[in-house]
């Protein structure tokens, strides 16, 4: 699992599922509440 954050604090999390890449982008407030997000990749639920 690879995580990265830009200067605005937006997190991009990428997980490799078999040969497919699942990418999720979460936008969070300072208190950690998720206020938005998106994902791309296979339509499956990634493991926690």
N, C-alpha and C. Protein backbone atom coordinates (compact mmCIF):
# COMPACT_ATOMS: atom_id res chain seq x y z
N UNK A 1 0.86 -1.19 0.00
CA UNK A 1 0.00 0.00 0.00
C UNK A 1 0.89 1.23 0.00
N UNK A 2 0.55 2.17 -0.84
CA UNK A 2 1.33 3.39 -0.94
C UNK A 2 0.41 4.58 -0.64
N UNK A 3 0.85 5.45 0.24
CA UNK A 3 0.07 6.65 0.54
C UNK A 3 0.89 7.89 0.28
N UNK A 4 0.23 8.94 -0.16
CA UNK A 4 0.94 10.18 -0.43
C UNK A 4 -0.02 11.33 -0.17
N UNK A 5 0.52 12.47 0.21
CA UNK A 5 -0.32 13.64 0.44
C UNK A 5 0.34 14.85 -0.21
N UNK A 6 -0.49 15.69 -0.81
CA UNK A 6 0.07 16.90 -1.41
C UNK A 6 0.04 18.03 -0.39
N UNK A 7 0.42 19.21 -0.81
CA UNK A 7 0.53 20.33 0.11
C UNK A 7 -0.82 20.72 0.71
N UNK A 8 -1.90 20.41 0.00
CA UNK A 8 -3.23 20.77 0.50
C UNK A 8 -3.77 19.73 1.47
N UNK A 9 -3.04 18.66 1.68
CA UNK A 9 -3.49 17.64 2.61
C UNK A 9 -4.43 16.63 1.97
N UNK A 10 -4.49 16.61 0.64
CA UNK A 10 -5.32 15.61 -0.02
C UNK A 10 -4.53 14.31 -0.12
N UNK A 11 -5.15 13.24 0.31
CA UNK A 11 -4.45 11.96 0.32
C UNK A 11 -4.80 11.15 -0.91
N UNK A 12 -3.78 10.54 -1.48
CA UNK A 12 -3.98 9.59 -2.57
C UNK A 12 -3.45 8.25 -2.10
N UNK A 13 -4.32 7.26 -2.11
CA UNK A 13 -3.93 5.93 -1.66
C UNK A 13 -4.05 4.96 -2.82
N UNK A 14 -2.99 4.21 -3.06
CA UNK A 14 -3.00 3.25 -4.15
C UNK A 14 -2.75 1.86 -3.60
N UNK A 15 -3.54 0.90 -4.05
CA UNK A 15 -3.34 -0.48 -3.63
C UNK A 15 -3.33 -1.35 -4.87
N UNK A 16 -2.47 -2.34 -4.85
CA UNK A 16 -2.40 -3.25 -5.99
C UNK A 16 -3.20 -4.50 -5.68
N UNK A 17 -4.16 -4.79 -6.54
CA UNK A 17 -5.04 -5.94 -6.35
C UNK A 17 -4.80 -6.86 -7.53
N UNK A 18 -3.99 -7.90 -7.33
CA UNK A 18 -3.62 -8.74 -8.45
C UNK A 18 -2.80 -7.89 -9.41
N UNK A 19 -3.22 -7.84 -10.66
CA UNK A 19 -2.52 -7.03 -11.66
C UNK A 19 -3.18 -5.67 -11.83
N UNK A 20 -4.21 -5.38 -11.03
CA UNK A 20 -4.95 -4.14 -11.20
C UNK A 20 -4.55 -3.15 -10.11
N UNK A 21 -4.60 -1.89 -10.43
CA UNK A 21 -4.29 -0.84 -9.46
C UNK A 21 -5.58 -0.14 -9.05
N UNK A 22 -5.79 -0.03 -7.75
CA UNK A 22 -6.94 0.68 -7.21
C UNK A 22 -6.43 1.99 -6.64
N UNK A 23 -6.99 3.09 -7.10
CA UNK A 23 -6.54 4.40 -6.64
C UNK A 23 -7.70 5.15 -6.01
N UNK A 24 -7.50 5.65 -4.81
CA UNK A 24 -8.54 6.43 -4.14
C UNK A 24 -7.95 7.76 -3.71
N UNK A 25 -8.70 8.82 -3.92
CA UNK A 25 -8.27 10.14 -3.49
C UNK A 25 -9.27 10.66 -2.46
N UNK A 26 -8.78 10.99 -1.28
CA UNK A 26 -9.65 11.47 -0.21
C UNK A 26 -9.28 12.91 0.11
N UNK A 27 -10.29 13.74 0.24
CA UNK A 27 -10.06 15.12 0.66
C UNK A 27 -10.56 15.25 2.10
N UNK A 28 -9.70 15.66 3.00
CA UNK A 28 -10.05 15.70 4.41
C UNK A 28 -9.88 17.09 4.99
N UNK A 29 -10.67 17.37 6.01
CA UNK A 29 -10.53 18.62 6.74
C UNK A 29 -9.43 18.45 7.78
N UNK A 30 -9.10 19.51 8.46
CA UNK A 30 -8.03 19.45 9.44
C UNK A 30 -8.35 18.49 10.58
N UNK A 31 -9.62 18.32 10.89
CA UNK A 31 -9.97 17.42 11.99
C UNK A 31 -10.09 15.98 11.53
N UNK A 32 -9.76 15.72 10.27
CA UNK A 32 -9.70 14.35 9.80
C UNK A 32 -10.99 13.82 9.22
N UNK A 33 -12.05 14.63 9.20
CA UNK A 33 -13.31 14.15 8.62
C UNK A 33 -13.20 14.18 7.10
N UNK A 34 -13.71 13.13 6.49
CA UNK A 34 -13.65 13.09 5.03
C UNK A 34 -14.76 13.97 4.47
N UNK A 35 -14.39 14.88 3.55
CA UNK A 35 -15.38 15.79 2.98
C UNK A 35 -15.57 15.53 1.50
N UNK A 36 -14.78 14.61 0.95
CA UNK A 36 -14.94 14.31 -0.46
C UNK A 36 -13.98 13.21 -0.84
N UNK A 37 -14.19 12.64 -2.01
CA UNK A 37 -13.27 11.59 -2.43
C UNK A 37 -13.71 11.00 -3.75
N UNK A 38 -12.80 10.25 -4.33
CA UNK A 38 -13.10 9.59 -5.58
C UNK A 38 -12.17 8.39 -5.70
N UNK A 39 -12.53 7.48 -6.59
CA UNK A 39 -11.65 6.34 -6.79
C UNK A 39 -11.72 5.92 -8.24
N UNK A 40 -10.70 5.20 -8.65
CA UNK A 40 -10.69 4.66 -9.99
C UNK A 40 -10.08 3.27 -9.93
N UNK A 41 -10.43 2.43 -10.88
CA UNK A 41 -9.91 1.08 -10.87
C UNK A 41 -11.05 0.08 -10.89
N UNK A 42 -10.75 -1.16 -10.57
CA UNK A 42 -11.78 -2.19 -10.60
C UNK A 42 -12.90 -1.88 -9.62
N UNK A 43 -14.10 -2.25 -9.97
CA UNK A 43 -15.24 -2.01 -9.09
C UNK A 43 -15.32 -3.16 -8.09
N UNK A 44 -14.49 -3.06 -7.07
CA UNK A 44 -14.46 -4.06 -6.01
C UNK A 44 -14.20 -3.33 -4.71
N UNK A 45 -14.34 -4.03 -3.61
CA UNK A 45 -14.04 -3.42 -2.32
C UNK A 45 -12.64 -3.84 -1.90
N UNK A 46 -11.72 -2.90 -1.79
CA UNK A 46 -10.36 -3.26 -1.40
C UNK A 46 -10.32 -3.74 0.04
N UNK A 47 -9.39 -4.62 0.34
CA UNK A 47 -9.25 -5.13 1.70
C UNK A 47 -8.82 -4.00 2.62
N UNK A 48 -9.26 -4.07 3.85
CA UNK A 48 -8.86 -3.06 4.82
C UNK A 48 -7.40 -3.23 5.17
